[in-house]
């Protein structure tokens, strides 16, 4: 997945997490799930950026 695609997914997941927090409360399982998914996307983005900066 390319960095630009990841940025779009990260923003969407962040919005989903914030909306869930407003609706269900910050300690809701839905918020925690979205937070974990956001973490995974952020890790993928960081790895993608590292590979493009140092491809060897």
Foldseek 3Di string as FASTA:
>chain_A
DALVVLVVVLVVLVVQLVVCCVVPNCVDPSNVVSVVVSVVSVVVNVVNVVCVVPVD
